[in-house]
């Protein structure tokens, strides 16, 4: 797939952006935690517990908001359709293709595919945030609360996203909205 202006075009840039977003969101990796633990194991445990409580508090607040906004766990389908409608399809259109979104449903998973241009750096920052959107039509009738994508966790515990050079994994667990395990995959990574 071609990349549009602002789209990710090489692995190291994608990887660097993912690391930057993780740092901006307060993520501490195992290397940082190990360094803290080498100095003071009790401090490491306190830091890990504080980060877990923060994540649980934020996740709980967003899940409560989603439950109050959405009367059905299936509402995420409308959010995904709104996202697809807001996407940029200029590459497909320039190649004579009609924009599309498809849903494939299995007993244990749902796969959504579309021929949009792909994630830009701005899109990735927005999907990893709450209350922010990079989509032009973001004030549409569905996705105006800034949690649209996160509504998938009303029905799913794990989400994979592949777009341009990004392969992202998001996990939901009890008491937490989602934990981002995103990384840029290139080749055999």
C-alpha atoms as a PDB file:
ATOM      1  CA  UNK A   1       0.000   0.000   0.000  1.00  0.00           C
ATOM      2  CA  UNK A   2       1.272   3.476  -0.784  1.00  0.00           C
ATOM      3  CA  UNK A   3       1.802   5.914   2.005  1.00  0.00           C
ATOM      4  CA  UNK A   4       0.377   9.398   1.994  1.00  0.00           C
ATOM      5  CA  UNK A   5       1.985  12.581   3.215  1.00  0.00           C
ATOM      6  CA  UNK A   6       2.544  12.243   6.943  1.00  0.00           C
ATOM      7  CA  UNK A   7       2.228   8.478   6.756  1.00  0.00           C
ATOM      8  CA  UNK A   8       4.851   6.238   8.236  1.00  0.00           C
ATOM      9  CA  UNK A   9       7.326   5.124   5.605  1.00  0.00           C
ATOM     10  CA  UNK A  10      10.143   3.380   7.449  1.00  0.00           C
ATOM     11  CA  UNK A  11      10.470   1.090  10.455  1.00  0.00           C
ATOM     12  CA  UNK A  12      12.906   3.049  12.605  1.00  0.00           C
ATOM     13  CA  UNK A  13      10.677   6.124  12.414  1.00  0.00           C
ATOM     14  CA  UNK A  14       7.636   4.059  13.383  1.00  0.00           C
ATOM     15  CA  UNK A  15       9.545   2.398  16.220  1.00  0.00           C
ATOM     16  CA  UNK A  16      10.844   5.747  17.468  1.00  0.00           C
ATOM     17  CA  UNK A  17       7.347   7.225  17.412  1.00  0.00           C
ATOM     18  CA  UNK A  18       5.943   4.307  19.394  1.00  0.00           C
ATOM     19  CA  UNK A  19       8.685   4.735  22.010  1.00  0.00           C
ATOM     20  CA  UNK A  20       8.023   8.479  22.178  1.00  0.00           C
ATOM     21  CA  UNK A  21       4.281   7.971  22.674  1.00  0.00           C
ATOM     22  CA  UNK A  22       4.909   5.335  25.345  1.00  0.00           C
ATOM     23  CA  UNK A  23       7.220   7.731  27.185  1.00  0.00           C
ATOM     24  CA  UNK A  24       4.691  10.584  26.862  1.00  0.00           C
ATOM     25  CA  UNK A  25       2.006   8.308  28.355  1.00  0.00           C
ATOM     26  CA  UNK A  26       4.141   7.477  31.386  1.00  0.00           C
ATOM     27  CA  UNK A  27       5.169   3.981  30.335  1.00  0.00           C
ATOM     28  CA  UNK A  28       8.251   2.610  32.048  1.00  0.00           C
ATOM     29  CA  UNK A  29       9.813  -0.395  30.372  1.00  0.00           C
ATOM     30  CA  UNK A  30      11.516  -3.309  32.050  1.00  0.00           C
ATOM     31  CA  UNK A  31      14.943  -1.681  31.587  1.00  0.00           C
ATOM     32  CA  UNK A  32      13.889   1.426  33.525  1.00  0.00           C
ATOM     33  CA  UNK A  33      12.173  -0.620  36.231  1.00  0.00           C
ATOM     34  CA  UNK A  34      15.223  -2.884  36.541  1.00  0.00           C
ATOM     35  CA  UNK A  35      17.470   0.169  36.948  1.00  0.00           C
ATOM     36  CA  UNK A  36      15.206   1.465  39.718  1.00  0.00           C
ATOM     37  CA  UNK A  37      15.151  -1.995  41.303  1.00  0.00           C
ATOM     38  CA  UNK A  38      18.948  -2.242  41.220  1.00  0.00           C
ATOM     39  CA  UNK A  39      19.130   0.916  43.309  1.00  0.00           C
ATOM     40  CA  UNK A  40      16.151   0.203  45.554  1.00  0.00           C
ATOM     41  CA  UNK A  41      13.916  -2.878  45.126  1.00  0.00           C
ATOM     42  CA  UNK A  42      11.246  -1.429  47.429  1.00  0.00           C
ATOM     43  CA  UNK A  43      11.086   1.727  45.315  1.00  0.00           C
ATOM     44  CA  UNK A  44      10.608  -0.363  42.163  1.00  0.00           C
ATOM     45  CA  UNK A  45       7.645  -2.124  43.762  1.00  0.00           C
ATOM     46  CA  UNK A  46       6.163   1.246  44.827  1.00  0.00           C
ATOM     47  CA  UNK A  47       6.590   2.659  41.309  1.00  0.00           C
ATOM     48  CA  UNK A  48       4.986  -0.419  39.725  1.00  0.00           C
ATOM     49  CA  UNK A  49       2.057  -0.268  42.168  1.00  0.00           C
ATOM     50  CA  UNK A  50       1.576   3.470  41.567  1.00  0.00           C
ATOM     51  CA  UNK A  51       1.559   2.972  37.793  1.00  0.00           C
ATOM     52  CA  UNK A  52      -0.926   0.112  38.115  1.00  0.00           C
ATOM     53  CA  UNK A  53      -3.264   2.210  40.306  1.00  0.00           C
ATOM     54  CA  UNK A  54      -3.053   5.100  37.816  1.00  0.00           C
ATOM     55  CA  UNK A  55      -3.870   2.789  34.904  1.00  0.00           C
ATOM     56  CA  UNK A  56      -6.745   1.198  36.818  1.00  0.00           C
ATOM     57  CA  UNK A  57      -8.182   4.609  37.737  1.00  0.00           C
ATOM     58  CA  UNK A  58      -8.016   5.943  34.175  1.00  0.00           C
ATOM     59  CA  UNK A  59      -9.313   2.681  32.706  1.00  0.00           C
ATOM     60  CA  UNK A  60     -12.190   2.524  35.145  1.00  0.00           C
ATOM     61  CA  UNK A  61     -13.191   6.120  34.401  1.00  0.00           C
ATOM     62  CA  UNK A  62     -13.172   5.577  30.633  1.00  0.00           C
ATOM     63  CA  UNK A  63     -15.082   2.289  30.905  1.00  0.00           C
ATOM     64  CA  UNK A  64     -17.687   3.994  33.093  1.00  0.00           C
ATOM     65  CA  UNK A  65     -18.009   6.788  30.529  1.00  0.00           C
ATOM     66  CA  UNK A  66     -18.327   4.265  27.693  1.00  0.00           C
ATOM     67  CA  UNK A  67     -20.992   2.274  29.550  1.00  0.00           C
ATOM     68  CA  UNK A  68     -22.957   5.449  30.258  1.00  0.00           C
ATOM     69  CA  UNK A  69     -22.695   6.623  26.643  1.00  0.00           C
ATOM     70  CA  UNK A  70     -23.358   3.330  24.936  1.00  0.00           C
ATOM     71  CA  UNK A  71     -26.411   1.218  25.654  1.00  0.00           C
ATOM     72  CA  UNK A  72     -25.012  -1.852  23.913  1.00  0.00           C
ATOM     73  CA  UNK A  73     -21.672  -3.648  23.854  1.00  0.00           C
ATOM     74  CA  UNK A  74     -22.164  -3.853  20.081  1.00  0.00           C
ATOM     75  CA  UNK A  75     -21.893  -0.056  19.816  1.00  0.00           C
ATOM     76  CA  UNK A  76     -18.229  -0.496  18.902  1.00  0.00           C
ATOM     77  CA  UNK A  77     -19.361  -1.565  15.409  1.00  0.00           C
ATOM     78  CA  UNK A  78     -20.819   1.910  14.851  1.00  0.00           C
ATOM     79  CA  UNK A  79     -17.639   3.497  16.209  1.00  0.00           C
ATOM     80  CA  UNK A  80     -15.524   1.468  13.785  1.00  0.00           C
ATOM     81  CA  UNK A  81     -17.809   2.421  10.898  1.00  0.00           C
ATOM     82  CA  UNK A  82     -17.536   6.084  11.916  1.00  0.00           C
ATOM     83  CA  UNK A  83     -13.742   5.733  11.974  1.00  0.00           C
ATOM     84  CA  UNK A  84     -13.811   4.143   8.513  1.00  0.00           C
ATOM     85  CA  UNK A  85     -16.021   6.961   7.236  1.00  0.00           C
ATOM     86  CA  UNK A  86     -13.576   9.536   8.618  1.00  0.00           C
ATOM     87  CA  UNK A  87     -10.515   7.865   7.035  1.00  0.00           C
ATOM     88  CA  UNK A  88      -8.550   9.213   4.077  1.00  0.00           C
ATOM     89  CA  UNK A  89      -8.925   7.087   0.931  1.00  0.00           C
ATOM     90  CA  UNK A  90      -7.070   9.302  -1.561  1.00  0.00           C
ATOM     91  CA  UNK A  91      -4.598   6.562  -2.560  1.00  0.00           C
ATOM     92  CA  UNK A  92      -7.356   4.049  -3.330  1.00  0.00           C
ATOM     93  CA  UNK A  93      -9.370   6.660  -5.222  1.00  0.00           C
ATOM     94  CA  UNK A  94      -6.313   7.725  -7.261  1.00  0.00           C
ATOM     95  CA  UNK A  95      -5.924   4.059  -8.258  1.00  0.00           C
ATOM     96  CA  UNK A  96      -9.549   3.859  -9.387  1.00  0.00           C
ATOM     97  CA  UNK A  97     -10.722   1.881  -6.345  1.00  0.00           C
ATOM     98  CA  UNK A  98     -13.834   2.603  -4.349  1.00  0.00           C
ATOM     99  CA  UNK A  99     -13.260   3.080  -0.619  1.00  0.00           C
ATOM    100  CA  UNK A 100     -14.416   0.061   1.373  1.00  0.00           C
ATOM    101  CA  UNK A 101     -14.602  -1.409   4.832  1.00  0.00           C
ATOM    102  CA  UNK A 102     -15.229  -5.110   5.390  1.00  0.00           C
ATOM    103  CA  UNK A 103     -16.085  -7.085   8.503  1.00  0.00           C
ATOM    104  CA  UNK A 104     -15.219 -10.782   8.709  1.00  0.00           C
ATOM    105  CA  UNK A 105     -16.742 -12.570  11.667  1.00  0.00           C
ATOM    106  CA  UNK A 106     -15.630 -15.831  13.280  1.00  0.00           C
ATOM    107  CA  UNK A 107     -16.836 -17.380  16.545  1.00  0.00           C
ATOM    108  CA  UNK A 108     -13.802 -16.043  18.434  1.00  0.00           C
ATOM    109  CA  UNK A 109     -12.791 -12.899  16.524  1.00  0.00           C
ATOM    110  CA  UNK A 110     -13.810 -10.104  14.194  1.00  0.00           C
ATOM    111  CA  UNK A 111     -11.522  -8.771  11.476  1.00  0.00           C
ATOM    112  CA  UNK A 112     -12.060  -5.316  10.013  1.00  0.00           C
ATOM    113  CA  UNK A 113     -10.232  -4.272   6.869  1.00  0.00           C
ATOM    114  CA  UNK A 114     -10.373  -1.132   4.762  1.00  0.00           C
ATOM    115  CA  UNK A 115      -8.377   0.423   1.958  1.00  0.00           C
ATOM    116  CA  UNK A 116      -7.627   3.703   3.677  1.00  0.00           C
ATOM    117  CA  UNK A 117      -4.228   5.365   3.281  1.00  0.00           C
ATOM    118  CA  UNK A 118      -3.007   4.025   6.614  1.00  0.00           C
ATOM    119  CA  UNK A 119      -1.914   5.448   9.924  1.00  0.00           C
ATOM    120  CA  UNK A 120      -0.056   8.700  10.060  1.00  0.00           C
ATOM    121  CA  UNK A 121       1.959   9.749  13.084  1.00  0.00           C
ATOM    122  CA  UNK A 122      -0.956  11.973  14.104  1.00  0.00           C
ATOM    123  CA  UNK A 123      -3.419   9.054  13.857  1.00  0.00           C
ATOM    124  CA  UNK A 124      -1.232   6.881  16.073  1.00  0.00           C
ATOM    125  CA  UNK A 125      -0.925   9.616  18.695  1.00  0.00           C
ATOM    126  CA  UNK A 126      -4.714  10.051  18.702  1.00  0.00           C
ATOM    127  CA  UNK A 127      -5.559   6.347  18.989  1.00  0.00           C
ATOM    128  CA  UNK A 128      -3.245   6.100  22.001  1.00  0.00           C
ATOM    129  CA  UNK A 129      -4.953   9.042  23.728  1.00  0.00           C
ATOM    130  CA  UNK A 130      -8.310   9.721  25.299  1.00  0.00           C
ATOM    131  CA  UNK A 131     -10.353  12.724  24.214  1.00  0.00           C
ATOM    132  CA  UNK A 132      -8.291  13.414  21.092  1.00  0.00           C
ATOM    133  CA  UNK A 133      -8.946  12.648  17.455  1.00  0.00           C
ATOM    134  CA  UNK A 134      -7.023  13.141  14.250  1.00  0.00           C
ATOM    135  CA  UNK A 135     -10.060  12.530  12.055  1.00  0.00           C
ATOM    136  CA  UNK A 136     -11.638  15.379  10.108  1.00  0.00           C
ATOM    137  CA  UNK A 137     -15.174  14.166  10.797  1.00  0.00           C
ATOM    138  CA  UNK A 138     -14.451  13.421  14.445  1.00  0.00           C
ATOM    139  CA  UNK A 139     -17.374  15.546  15.600  1.00  0.00           C
ATOM    140  CA  UNK A 140     -19.772  13.206  13.806  1.00  0.00           C
ATOM    141  CA  UNK A 141     -22.857  11.724  15.363  1.00  0.00           C
ATOM    142  CA  UNK A 142     -21.025   8.808  16.952  1.00  0.00           C
ATOM    143  CA  UNK A 143     -17.372   9.392  17.683  1.00  0.00           C
ATOM    144  CA  UNK A 144     -17.379  12.795  19.315  1.00  0.00           C
ATOM    145  CA  UNK A 145     -16.452  11.761  22.859  1.00  0.00           C
ATOM    146  CA  UNK A 146     -12.812  10.929  22.127  1.00  0.00           C
ATOM    147  CA  UNK A 147     -13.079   7.281  23.200  1.00  0.00           C
ATOM    148  CA  UNK A 148     -14.501   5.763  20.013  1.00  0.00           C
ATOM    149  CA  UNK A 149     -11.823   3.185  19.299  1.00  0.00           C
ATOM    150  CA  UNK A 150     -11.611   2.235  22.982  1.00  0.00           C
ATOM    151  CA  UNK A 151     -15.263   1.136  22.829  1.00  0.00           C
ATOM    152  CA  UNK A 152     -14.038  -2.102  21.215  1.00  0.00           C
ATOM    153  CA  UNK A 153     -12.992  -3.167  24.710  1.00  0.00           C
ATOM    154  CA  UNK A 154     -16.642  -3.418  25.676  1.00  0.00           C
ATOM    155  CA  UNK A 155     -16.622  -6.568  23.515  1.00  0.00           C
ATOM    156  CA  UNK A 156     -12.964  -7.575  23.083  1.00  0.00           C
ATOM    157  CA  UNK A 157     -10.028  -8.227  25.379  1.00  0.00           C
ATOM    158  CA  UNK A 158      -7.335  -8.003  22.700  1.00  0.00           C
ATOM    159  CA  UNK A 159      -7.063  -5.811  19.603  1.00  0.00           C
ATOM    160  CA  UNK A 160      -4.471  -6.034  16.815  1.00  0.00           C
ATOM    161  CA  UNK A 161      -4.024  -3.120  14.438  1.00  0.00           C
ATOM    162  CA  UNK A 162      -1.844  -3.314  11.357  1.00  0.00           C
ATOM    163  CA  UNK A 163      -1.417  -0.189   9.280  1.00  0.00           C
ATOM    164  CA  UNK A 164       1.594   0.935   7.265  1.00  0.00           C
ATOM    165  CA  UNK A 165       4.668   0.096   9.346  1.00  0.00           C
ATOM    166  CA  UNK A 166       2.716  -0.320  12.586  1.00  0.00           C
ATOM    167  CA  UNK A 167       1.596  -3.542  14.200  1.00  0.00           C
ATOM    168  CA  UNK A 168      -0.065  -2.627  17.484  1.00  0.00           C
ATOM    169  CA  UNK A 169      -1.425  -4.812  20.245  1.00  0.00           C
ATOM    170  CA  UNK A 170      -3.829  -3.512  22.863  1.00  0.00           C
ATOM    171  CA  UNK A 171      -4.955  -5.683  25.775  1.00  0.00           C
ATOM    172  CA  UNK A 172      -7.768  -5.157  28.242  1.00  0.00           C
ATOM    173  CA  UNK A 173      -7.770  -6.722  31.672  1.00  0.00           C
ATOM    174  CA  UNK A 174      -9.984  -6.536  34.738  1.00  0.00           C
ATOM    175  CA  UNK A 175     -10.071  -3.040  36.163  1.00  0.00           C
ATOM    176  CA  UNK A 176      -8.045  -1.600  33.311  1.00  0.00           C
ATOM    177  CA  UNK A 177      -9.342  -0.244  30.055  1.00  0.00           C
ATOM    178  CA  UNK A 178      -6.346  -1.218  27.995  1.00  0.00           C
ATOM    179  CA  UNK A 179      -2.645  -1.700  28.151  1.00  0.00           C
ATOM    180  CA  UNK A 180      -0.711  -0.714  25.104  1.00  0.00           C
ATOM    181  CA  UNK A 181       1.918  -3.171  23.950  1.00  0.00           C
ATOM    182  CA  UNK A 182       2.514  -1.329  20.709  1.00  0.00           C
ATOM    183  CA  UNK A 183       5.600  -1.680  18.666  1.00  0.00           C
ATOM    184  CA  UNK A 184       6.554  -1.134  15.081  1.00  0.00           C
ATOM    185  CA  UNK A 185       7.119  -4.387  13.263  1.00  0.00           C
ATOM    186  CA  UNK A 186       9.453  -4.434  10.328  1.00  0.00           C
ATOM    187  CA  UNK A 187      10.444  -7.607   8.561  1.00  0.00           C
ATOM    188  CA  UNK A 188      11.027 -10.319  11.160  1.00  0.00           C
ATOM    189  CA  UNK A 189      10.503  -8.093  14.230  1.00  0.00           C
END
